[in-house]
């Protein structure tokens, strides 16, 4: 018995192992984390790129119209292309609103209601109403129209499923 009583003070208490730490992770887990983060960034970029594709295309077409006007193309043709571009983009961006037959003041009201900056106010109103019916306009009026159309396009970069009451 004496042997056992001498050994009891020498016994150590039961020690639990240290809890497992989350870090440092093995190299494979770091690879999985970087892969997932990269996929999330790629998805966000892809969705942004797809969403902004339409506005980039329309702004490119507007720049082509502007360059054609500056190179001496007929003003009536440039005005017609400008009106078609604006109408086509508006129909795509606001599919819930019946826009195909709008013209004149109703078209101007729609453009003003769908723009935050209201680029078609003041003297641009008259120019915007009558420009599809004109063969020639002064360079200052054409530059104002191009700037107003560009501003309206920038105010409506993404498709809106709301219906605009006219």
N, C-alpha and C. Protein backbone atom coordinates (compact mmCIF):
# COMPACT_ATOMS: atom_id res chain seq x y z
N UNK A 1 0.80 -1.19 0.00
CA UNK A 1 0.00 0.00 0.00
C UNK A 1 0.85 1.26 0.00
N UNK A 2 1.90 1.12 0.72
CA UNK A 2 2.75 2.27 0.82
C UNK A 2 3.27 2.70 -0.55
N UNK A 3 3.43 1.75 -1.39
CA UNK A 3 3.93 2.07 -2.72
C UNK A 3 2.93 2.96 -3.47
N UNK A 4 1.69 2.67 -3.29
CA UNK A 4 0.68 3.44 -4.01
C UNK A 4 0.50 4.83 -3.41
N UNK A 5 0.63 4.96 -2.13
CA UNK A 5 0.45 6.26 -1.53
C UNK A 5 1.60 7.19 -1.88
N UNK A 6 2.75 6.66 -2.13
CA UNK A 6 3.88 7.50 -2.56
C UNK A 6 3.69 7.98 -4.00
N UNK A 7 3.00 7.21 -4.76
CA UNK A 7 2.82 7.56 -6.18
C UNK A 7 1.70 8.58 -6.40
N UNK A 8 0.76 8.63 -5.49
CA UNK A 8 -0.39 9.52 -5.68
C UNK A 8 0.06 10.99 -5.78
N UNK A 9 0.92 11.52 -4.93
CA UNK A 9 1.33 12.92 -5.11
C UNK A 9 2.10 13.16 -6.41
N UNK A 10 2.70 12.12 -6.94
CA UNK A 10 3.46 12.29 -8.16
C UNK A 10 2.59 12.29 -9.43
N UNK A 11 1.35 11.89 -9.28
CA UNK A 11 0.45 11.87 -10.44
C UNK A 11 0.12 13.30 -10.88
N UNK A 12 0.08 13.49 -12.10
CA UNK A 12 -0.31 14.79 -12.63
C UNK A 12 -1.81 14.81 -12.85
N UNK A 13 -2.32 16.04 -12.84
CA UNK A 13 -3.75 16.20 -13.10
C UNK A 13 -4.00 15.95 -14.59
N UNK A 14 -5.21 15.62 -14.91
CA UNK A 14 -5.56 15.37 -16.31
C UNK A 14 -5.60 16.73 -17.03
N UNK A 15 -4.85 16.84 -18.10
CA UNK A 15 -4.82 18.06 -18.90
C UNK A 15 -5.47 17.79 -20.24
N UNK A 16 -6.41 18.67 -20.61
CA UNK A 16 -7.04 18.56 -21.92
C UNK A 16 -6.13 19.18 -22.96
N UNK A 17 -6.15 18.68 -24.15
CA UNK A 17 -5.32 19.29 -25.19
C UNK A 17 -5.85 20.69 -25.53
N UNK A 18 -5.01 21.51 -26.09
CA UNK A 18 -5.40 22.88 -26.48
C UNK A 18 -6.46 22.77 -27.58
N UNK A 19 -7.43 23.67 -27.57
CA UNK A 19 -8.44 23.61 -28.62
C UNK A 19 -7.81 23.82 -30.00
N UNK A 20 -8.38 23.18 -30.97
CA UNK A 20 -7.86 23.31 -32.34
C UNK A 20 -8.08 24.74 -32.83
N UNK A 21 -7.05 25.32 -33.39
CA UNK A 21 -7.20 26.70 -33.87
C UNK A 21 -7.65 26.69 -35.33
N UNK A 22 -8.32 27.76 -35.70
CA UNK A 22 -8.80 27.88 -37.06
C UNK A 22 -7.66 28.27 -37.99
N UNK A 23 -6.73 29.04 -37.45
CA UNK A 23 -5.57 29.46 -38.24
C UNK A 23 -4.34 28.85 -37.63
N UNK A 24 -3.37 28.58 -38.32
CA UNK A 24 -3.17 28.71 -39.76
C UNK A 24 -3.87 27.58 -40.52
N UNK A 25 -4.52 27.98 -41.58
CA UNK A 25 -5.21 27.00 -42.41
C UNK A 25 -4.21 26.28 -43.30
N UNK A 26 -4.52 25.07 -43.64
CA UNK A 26 -3.67 24.38 -44.62
C UNK A 26 -3.73 25.10 -45.97
N UNK A 27 -2.73 24.92 -46.76
CA UNK A 27 -2.60 25.61 -48.04
C UNK A 27 -3.80 25.34 -48.96
N UNK A 28 -4.34 24.15 -48.93
CA UNK A 28 -5.48 23.82 -49.79
C UNK A 28 -6.70 24.67 -49.46
N UNK A 29 -6.92 24.94 -48.17
CA UNK A 29 -8.07 25.78 -47.79
C UNK A 29 -7.88 27.21 -48.26
N UNK A 30 -6.64 27.71 -48.21
CA UNK A 30 -6.39 29.06 -48.74
C UNK A 30 -6.70 29.11 -50.23
N UNK A 31 -6.35 28.06 -50.94
CA UNK A 31 -6.66 28.00 -52.37
C UNK A 31 -8.16 28.02 -52.62
N UNK A 32 -8.91 27.28 -51.82
CA UNK A 32 -10.36 27.26 -51.98
C UNK A 32 -10.95 28.64 -51.68
N UNK A 33 -10.47 29.30 -50.63
CA UNK A 33 -10.97 30.63 -50.28
C UNK A 33 -10.69 31.63 -51.41
N UNK A 34 -9.45 31.64 -51.93
CA UNK A 34 -9.12 32.56 -53.02
C UNK A 34 -9.92 32.25 -54.28
N UNK A 35 -10.17 31.00 -54.53
CA UNK A 35 -10.98 30.62 -55.69
C UNK A 35 -12.41 31.13 -55.55
N UNK A 36 -13.01 30.96 -54.38
CA UNK A 36 -14.37 31.44 -54.16
C UNK A 36 -14.46 32.97 -54.24
N UNK A 37 -13.51 33.66 -53.65
CA UNK A 37 -13.50 35.13 -53.72
C UNK A 37 -13.32 35.58 -55.17
N UNK A 38 -12.45 34.93 -55.90
CA UNK A 38 -12.26 35.26 -57.31
C UNK A 38 -13.51 35.02 -58.12
N UNK A 39 -14.22 33.93 -57.85
CA UNK A 39 -15.47 33.66 -58.57
C UNK A 39 -16.53 34.70 -58.26
N UNK A 40 -16.60 35.15 -57.02
CA UNK A 40 -17.57 36.19 -56.66
C UNK A 40 -17.24 37.48 -57.40
N UNK A 41 -15.97 37.87 -57.42
CA UNK A 41 -15.59 39.09 -58.15
C UNK A 41 -15.86 38.95 -59.64
N UNK A 42 -15.57 37.80 -60.21
CA UNK A 42 -15.82 37.58 -61.63
C UNK A 42 -17.32 37.65 -61.94
N UNK A 43 -18.14 37.09 -61.08
CA UNK A 43 -19.59 37.14 -61.28
C UNK A 43 -20.11 38.57 -61.20
N UNK A 44 -19.66 39.32 -60.22
CA UNK A 44 -20.09 40.71 -60.09
C UNK A 44 -19.65 41.52 -61.30
N UNK A 45 -18.42 41.34 -61.76
CA UNK A 45 -17.93 42.06 -62.94
C UNK A 45 -18.72 41.67 -64.18
N UNK A 46 -18.98 40.38 -64.34
CA UNK A 46 -19.73 39.91 -65.51
C UNK A 46 -21.14 40.49 -65.52
N UNK A 47 -21.80 40.48 -64.38
CA UNK A 47 -23.16 41.03 -64.32
C UNK A 47 -23.15 42.53 -64.59
N UNK A 48 -22.17 43.26 -64.05
CA UNK A 48 -22.07 44.69 -64.31
C UNK A 48 -21.79 44.93 -65.79
N UNK A 49 -20.90 44.15 -66.37
CA UNK A 49 -20.55 44.31 -67.78
C UNK A 49 -21.76 44.06 -68.66
N UNK A 50 -22.51 43.00 -68.37
CA UNK A 50 -23.70 42.71 -69.16
C UNK A 50 -24.75 43.80 -69.02
N UNK A 51 -24.89 44.31 -67.82
CA UNK A 51 -25.93 45.31 -67.58
C UNK A 51 -25.59 46.63 -68.26
N UNK A 52 -24.31 46.96 -68.34
CA UNK A 52 -23.93 48.23 -68.94
C UNK A 52 -23.62 48.11 -70.43
N UNK A 53 -23.81 46.94 -70.99
CA UNK A 53 -23.51 46.72 -72.41
C UNK A 53 -24.42 47.57 -73.31
N UNK A 54 -25.68 47.66 -72.98
CA UNK A 54 -26.64 48.39 -73.80
C UNK A 54 -26.29 49.88 -73.84
N UNK A 55 -26.00 50.47 -72.70
CA UNK A 55 -25.71 51.90 -72.67
C UNK A 55 -24.40 52.19 -73.40
N UNK A 56 -23.42 51.31 -73.29
CA UNK A 56 -22.17 51.52 -74.02
C UNK A 56 -22.41 51.48 -75.52
N UNK A 57 -23.24 50.57 -75.97
CA UNK A 57 -23.55 50.45 -77.39
C UNK A 57 -24.26 51.71 -77.89
N UNK A 58 -25.22 52.19 -77.15
CA UNK A 58 -25.98 53.37 -77.57
C UNK A 58 -25.09 54.61 -77.57
N UNK A 59 -24.24 54.75 -76.56
CA UNK A 59 -23.33 55.91 -76.53
C UNK A 59 -22.34 55.85 -77.69
N UNK A 60 -21.92 54.66 -78.07
CA UNK A 60 -21.05 54.50 -79.24
C UNK A 60 -21.78 54.95 -80.51
N UNK A 61 -23.05 54.56 -80.65
CA UNK A 61 -23.84 54.98 -81.81
C UNK A 61 -24.04 56.49 -81.82
N UNK A 62 -24.26 57.08 -80.65
CA UNK A 62 -24.40 58.53 -80.57
C UNK A 62 -23.12 59.23 -80.99
N UNK A 63 -21.98 58.69 -80.59
CA UNK A 63 -20.70 59.26 -80.99
C UNK A 63 -20.52 59.15 -82.50
N UNK A 64 -20.96 58.05 -83.09
CA UNK A 64 -20.88 57.90 -84.55
C UNK A 64 -21.75 58.93 -85.26
N UNK A 65 -22.94 59.18 -84.73
CA UNK A 65 -23.82 60.20 -85.31
C UNK A 65 -23.16 61.57 -85.21
N UNK A 66 -22.57 61.85 -84.07
CA UNK A 66 -21.91 63.14 -83.86
C UNK A 66 -20.72 63.31 -84.81
N UNK A 67 -19.93 62.25 -84.99
CA UNK A 67 -18.80 62.32 -85.90
C UNK A 67 -19.26 62.47 -87.35
N UNK A 68 -20.34 61.78 -87.71
CA UNK A 68 -20.86 61.91 -89.07
C UNK A 68 -21.33 63.33 -89.32
N UNK A 69 -21.96 63.94 -88.34
CA UNK A 69 -22.41 65.33 -88.48
C UNK A 69 -21.21 66.26 -88.65
N UNK A 70 -20.18 66.03 -87.85
CA UNK A 70 -19.00 66.88 -87.93
C UNK A 70 -18.23 66.69 -89.23
N UNK A 71 -18.36 65.51 -89.84
CA UNK A 71 -17.67 65.25 -91.11
C UNK A 71 -18.48 65.72 -92.31
N UNK A 72 -19.64 66.28 -92.06
CA UNK A 72 -20.38 66.89 -93.14
C UNK A 72 -21.56 66.09 -93.67
N UNK A 73 -21.98 65.06 -92.96
CA UNK A 73 -23.17 64.32 -93.40
C UNK A 73 -24.39 65.24 -93.32
N UNK A 74 -25.37 64.96 -94.14
CA UNK A 74 -26.57 65.78 -94.20
C UNK A 74 -27.20 65.90 -92.80
N UNK A 75 -27.56 67.10 -92.43
CA UNK A 75 -28.12 67.37 -91.11
C UNK A 75 -29.44 66.63 -90.91
N UNK A 76 -30.26 66.57 -91.93
CA UNK A 76 -31.54 65.87 -91.82
C UNK A 76 -31.35 64.39 -91.51
N UNK A 77 -30.35 63.78 -92.15
CA UNK A 77 -30.07 62.36 -91.90
C UNK A 77 -29.58 62.18 -90.46
N UNK A 78 -28.70 63.06 -90.01
CA UNK A 78 -28.21 62.96 -88.62
C UNK A 78 -29.33 63.15 -87.61
N UNK A 79 -30.23 64.08 -87.89
CA UNK A 79 -31.36 64.30 -86.99
C UNK A 79 -32.29 63.09 -86.98
N UNK A 80 -32.49 62.47 -88.15
CA UNK A 80 -33.33 61.28 -88.21
C UNK A 80 -32.69 60.14 -87.41
N UNK A 81 -31.38 59.94 -87.58
CA UNK A 81 -30.67 58.89 -86.84
C UNK A 81 -30.73 59.16 -85.33
N UNK A 82 -30.59 60.42 -84.96
CA UNK A 82 -30.65 60.79 -83.55
C UNK A 82 -32.02 60.48 -82.96
N UNK A 83 -33.07 60.83 -83.69
CA UNK A 83 -34.43 60.55 -83.20
C UNK A 83 -34.70 59.06 -83.11
N UNK A 84 -34.26 58.31 -84.11
CA UNK A 84 -34.46 56.85 -84.08
C UNK A 84 -33.69 56.20 -82.94
N UNK A 85 -32.48 56.66 -82.73
CA UNK A 85 -31.68 56.11 -81.63
C UNK A 85 -32.35 56.37 -80.29
N UNK A 86 -32.81 57.59 -80.09
CA UNK A 86 -33.46 57.94 -78.83
C UNK A 86 -34.75 57.16 -78.62
N UNK A 87 -35.55 57.05 -79.65
CA UNK A 87 -36.82 56.32 -79.54
C UNK A 87 -36.58 54.83 -79.29
N UNK A 88 -35.63 54.25 -80.03
CA UNK A 88 -35.34 52.82 -79.88
C UNK A 88 -34.84 52.52 -78.46
N UNK A 89 -33.95 53.34 -77.97
CA UNK A 89 -33.43 53.13 -76.62
C UNK A 89 -34.52 53.30 -75.58
N UNK A 90 -35.39 54.28 -75.76
CA UNK A 90 -36.48 54.50 -74.80
C UNK A 90 -37.44 53.31 -74.80
N UNK A 91 -37.72 52.74 -75.97
CA UNK A 91 -38.61 51.58 -76.03
C UNK A 91 -37.99 50.38 -75.32
N UNK A 92 -36.68 50.22 -75.47
CA UNK A 92 -36.00 49.10 -74.79
C UNK A 92 -35.96 49.33 -73.29
N UNK A 93 -35.67 50.55 -72.86
CA UNK A 93 -35.50 50.83 -71.44
C UNK A 93 -36.82 50.91 -70.67
N UNK A 94 -37.90 51.23 -71.34
CA UNK A 94 -39.20 51.36 -70.68
C UNK A 94 -40.22 50.49 -71.43
N UNK A 95 -40.10 49.17 -71.30
CA UNK A 95 -40.99 48.28 -72.07
C UNK A 95 -42.45 48.34 -71.62
N UNK A 96 -42.72 48.81 -70.42
CA UNK A 96 -44.09 48.85 -69.91
C UNK A 96 -44.86 50.07 -70.40
N UNK A 97 -44.16 51.02 -70.99
CA UNK A 97 -44.79 52.26 -71.43
C UNK A 97 -45.01 52.23 -72.94
N UNK A 98 -46.20 52.53 -73.41
CA UNK A 98 -46.43 52.55 -74.87
C UNK A 98 -45.82 53.80 -75.49
N UNK A 99 -44.67 53.65 -76.14
CA UNK A 99 -43.93 54.80 -76.66
C UNK A 99 -43.90 54.88 -78.18
N UNK A 100 -44.30 53.83 -78.84
CA UNK A 100 -44.10 53.75 -80.29
C UNK A 100 -44.74 54.91 -81.05
N UNK A 101 -45.87 55.40 -80.60
CA UNK A 101 -46.60 56.42 -81.35
C UNK A 101 -46.48 57.81 -80.73
N UNK A 102 -45.62 57.97 -79.74
CA UNK A 102 -45.46 59.29 -79.13
C UNK A 102 -44.67 60.22 -80.05
N UNK A 103 -45.09 61.45 -80.11
CA UNK A 103 -44.35 62.45 -80.87
C UNK A 103 -44.71 63.82 -80.30
N UNK A 104 -43.93 64.79 -80.66
CA UNK A 104 -44.20 66.16 -80.26
C UNK A 104 -44.13 66.37 -78.76
N UNK A 105 -45.14 67.03 -78.23
CA UNK A 105 -45.14 67.39 -76.81
C UNK A 105 -45.26 66.17 -75.90
N UNK A 106 -46.00 65.14 -76.33
CA UNK A 106 -46.10 63.92 -75.50
C UNK A 106 -44.73 63.25 -75.37
N UNK A 107 -43.97 63.21 -76.45
CA UNK A 107 -42.63 62.62 -76.42
C UNK A 107 -41.73 63.44 -75.49
N UNK A 108 -41.85 64.76 -75.56
CA UNK A 108 -41.06 65.62 -74.70
C UNK A 108 -41.43 65.44 -73.23
N UNK A 109 -42.73 65.29 -72.94
CA UNK A 109 -43.17 65.05 -71.55
C UNK A 109 -42.58 63.74 -71.04
N UNK A 110 -42.59 62.70 -71.88
CA UNK A 110 -41.99 61.43 -71.47
C UNK A 110 -40.50 61.60 -71.18
N UNK A 111 -39.78 62.29 -72.06
CA UNK A 111 -38.34 62.48 -71.85
C UNK A 111 -38.06 63.26 -70.57
N UNK A 112 -38.89 64.25 -70.28
CA UNK A 112 -38.69 65.03 -69.06
C UNK A 112 -39.02 64.23 -67.81
N UNK A 113 -40.05 63.38 -67.89
CA UNK A 113 -40.43 62.58 -66.71
C UNK A 113 -39.41 61.50 -66.39
N UNK A 114 -38.69 61.04 -67.40
CA UNK A 114 -37.75 59.94 -67.18
C UNK A 114 -36.32 60.41 -66.98
N UNK A 115 -36.11 61.69 -66.87
CA UNK A 115 -34.76 62.21 -66.68
C UNK A 115 -34.65 62.93 -65.35
N UNK A 116 -33.54 62.73 -64.67
CA UNK A 116 -33.32 63.41 -63.40
C UNK A 116 -32.88 64.85 -63.61
N UNK A 117 -32.10 65.10 -64.66
CA UNK A 117 -31.52 66.43 -64.84
C UNK A 117 -32.33 67.32 -65.76
N UNK A 118 -33.36 66.79 -66.40
CA UNK A 118 -34.25 67.55 -67.29
C UNK A 118 -33.46 68.30 -68.37
N UNK A 119 -32.74 67.58 -69.26
CA UNK A 119 -31.92 68.27 -70.26
C UNK A 119 -32.73 68.92 -71.38
N UNK A 120 -34.01 68.63 -71.48
CA UNK A 120 -34.81 69.13 -72.59
C UNK A 120 -35.66 70.33 -72.19
N UNK A 121 -35.23 71.09 -71.24
CA UNK A 121 -35.97 72.28 -70.84
C UNK A 121 -35.51 73.51 -71.62
N UNK A 122 -36.22 74.59 -71.48
CA UNK A 122 -35.91 75.89 -72.09
C UNK A 122 -35.94 75.80 -73.61
N UNK A 123 -34.89 76.29 -74.26
CA UNK A 123 -34.90 76.33 -75.72
C UNK A 123 -34.78 74.95 -76.34
N UNK A 124 -34.30 74.00 -75.59
CA UNK A 124 -34.22 72.64 -76.13
C UNK A 124 -35.60 72.02 -76.34
N UNK A 125 -36.60 72.52 -75.62
CA UNK A 125 -37.95 71.98 -75.78
C UNK A 125 -38.43 72.14 -77.22
N UNK A 126 -38.32 73.33 -77.73
CA UNK A 126 -38.79 73.61 -79.09
C UNK A 126 -37.96 72.81 -80.09
N UNK A 127 -36.65 72.77 -79.87
CA UNK A 127 -35.79 72.02 -80.78
C UNK A 127 -36.13 70.53 -80.75
N UNK A 128 -36.42 70.02 -79.58
CA UNK A 128 -36.71 68.59 -79.46
C UNK A 128 -38.04 68.24 -80.10
N UNK A 129 -39.01 69.11 -80.02
CA UNK A 129 -40.32 68.83 -80.60
C UNK A 129 -40.25 68.84 -82.13
N UNK A 130 -39.51 69.80 -82.67
CA UNK A 130 -39.55 69.99 -84.12
C UNK A 130 -38.35 69.43 -84.87
N UNK A 131 -37.34 68.90 -84.17
CA UNK A 131 -36.16 68.48 -84.91
C UNK A 131 -36.39 67.33 -85.89
N UNK A 132 -37.33 66.41 -85.65
CA UNK A 132 -37.50 65.36 -86.67
C UNK A 132 -38.06 65.89 -87.98
N UNK A 133 -38.63 67.07 -87.97
CA UNK A 133 -39.29 67.59 -89.16
C UNK A 133 -38.44 68.63 -89.88
N UNK A 134 -37.21 68.84 -89.42
CA UNK A 134 -36.37 69.85 -90.03
C UNK A 134 -35.28 69.19 -90.87
N UNK A 135 -34.86 69.90 -91.91
CA UNK A 135 -33.76 69.42 -92.74
C UNK A 135 -32.43 69.98 -92.26
N UNK A 136 -32.45 71.18 -91.76
CA UNK A 136 -31.21 71.80 -91.31
C UNK A 136 -31.44 72.47 -89.96
N UNK A 137 -30.42 72.45 -89.19
CA UNK A 137 -30.40 73.18 -87.93
C UNK A 137 -29.03 73.83 -87.80
N UNK A 138 -28.94 74.82 -86.96
CA UNK A 138 -27.65 75.48 -86.76
C UNK A 138 -26.74 74.57 -85.94
N UNK A 139 -25.43 74.73 -86.10
CA UNK A 139 -24.51 73.89 -85.33
C UNK A 139 -24.69 74.01 -83.82
N UNK A 140 -25.08 75.19 -83.34
CA UNK A 140 -25.27 75.35 -81.89
C UNK A 140 -26.47 74.55 -81.41
N UNK A 141 -27.56 74.55 -82.20
CA UNK A 141 -28.74 73.77 -81.83
C UNK A 141 -28.41 72.27 -81.88
N UNK A 142 -27.65 71.87 -82.91
CA UNK A 142 -27.29 70.45 -83.02
C UNK A 142 -26.42 70.02 -81.84
N UNK A 143 -25.48 70.85 -81.45
CA UNK A 143 -24.63 70.49 -80.31
C UNK A 143 -25.45 70.42 -79.02
N UNK A 144 -26.44 71.32 -78.86
CA UNK A 144 -27.31 71.27 -77.68
C UNK A 144 -28.16 70.01 -77.68
N UNK A 145 -28.67 69.64 -78.86
CA UNK A 145 -29.47 68.41 -78.96
C UNK A 145 -28.63 67.18 -78.64
N UNK A 146 -27.43 67.12 -79.19
CA UNK A 146 -26.56 65.98 -78.91
C UNK A 146 -26.22 65.89 -77.43
N UNK A 147 -25.95 67.03 -76.81
CA UNK A 147 -25.63 67.04 -75.38
C UNK A 147 -26.85 66.63 -74.55
N UNK A 148 -28.03 67.10 -74.95
CA UNK A 148 -29.26 66.76 -74.21
C UNK A 148 -29.57 65.28 -74.36
N UNK A 149 -29.40 64.74 -75.55
CA UNK A 149 -29.65 63.30 -75.76
C UNK A 149 -28.65 62.47 -74.96
N UNK A 150 -27.39 62.88 -74.98
CA UNK A 150 -26.37 62.16 -74.21
C UNK A 150 -26.70 62.19 -72.72
N UNK A 151 -27.13 63.34 -72.23
CA UNK A 151 -27.49 63.45 -70.82
C UNK A 151 -28.68 62.57 -70.48
N UNK A 152 -29.69 62.54 -71.35
CA UNK A 152 -30.85 61.69 -71.10
C UNK A 152 -30.44 60.22 -71.09
N UNK A 153 -29.56 59.83 -72.00
CA UNK A 153 -29.09 58.44 -72.03
C UNK A 153 -28.34 58.10 -70.74
N UNK A 154 -27.53 59.02 -70.26
CA UNK A 154 -26.78 58.77 -69.03
C UNK A 154 -27.70 58.75 -67.81
N UNK A 155 -28.82 59.44 -67.87
CA UNK A 155 -29.78 59.42 -66.76
C UNK A 155 -30.58 58.12 -66.73
N UNK A 156 -30.60 57.37 -67.82
CA UNK A 156 -31.37 56.12 -67.90
C UNK A 156 -30.49 54.97 -68.36
N UNK A 157 -29.48 54.59 -67.56
CA UNK A 157 -28.56 53.56 -68.03
C UNK A 157 -29.10 52.14 -67.94
N UNK A 158 -30.09 51.91 -67.10
CA UNK A 158 -30.57 50.55 -66.88
C UNK A 158 -32.07 50.45 -67.18
N UNK A 159 -32.47 49.27 -67.54
CA UNK A 159 -33.87 49.04 -67.89
C UNK A 159 -34.76 49.29 -66.68
N UNK A 160 -35.84 49.98 -66.94
CA UNK A 160 -36.81 50.29 -65.90
C UNK A 160 -38.11 49.62 -66.26
N UNK A 161 -38.62 48.83 -65.36
CA UNK A 161 -39.87 48.12 -65.64
C UNK A 161 -41.08 48.90 -65.13
N UNK A 162 -40.86 50.15 -64.79
CA UNK A 162 -41.99 50.96 -64.35
C UNK A 162 -42.71 51.52 -65.56
N UNK A 163 -43.96 51.79 -65.39
CA UNK A 163 -44.77 52.37 -66.46
C UNK A 163 -44.89 53.86 -66.20
N UNK A 164 -44.61 54.66 -67.22
CA UNK A 164 -44.66 56.11 -67.09
C UNK A 164 -46.00 56.58 -67.60
N UNK A 165 -46.74 57.29 -66.76
CA UNK A 165 -48.02 57.85 -67.19
C UNK A 165 -47.80 59.18 -67.86
N UNK A 166 -48.41 59.33 -69.03
CA UNK A 166 -48.22 60.56 -69.80
C UNK A 166 -49.40 61.47 -69.69
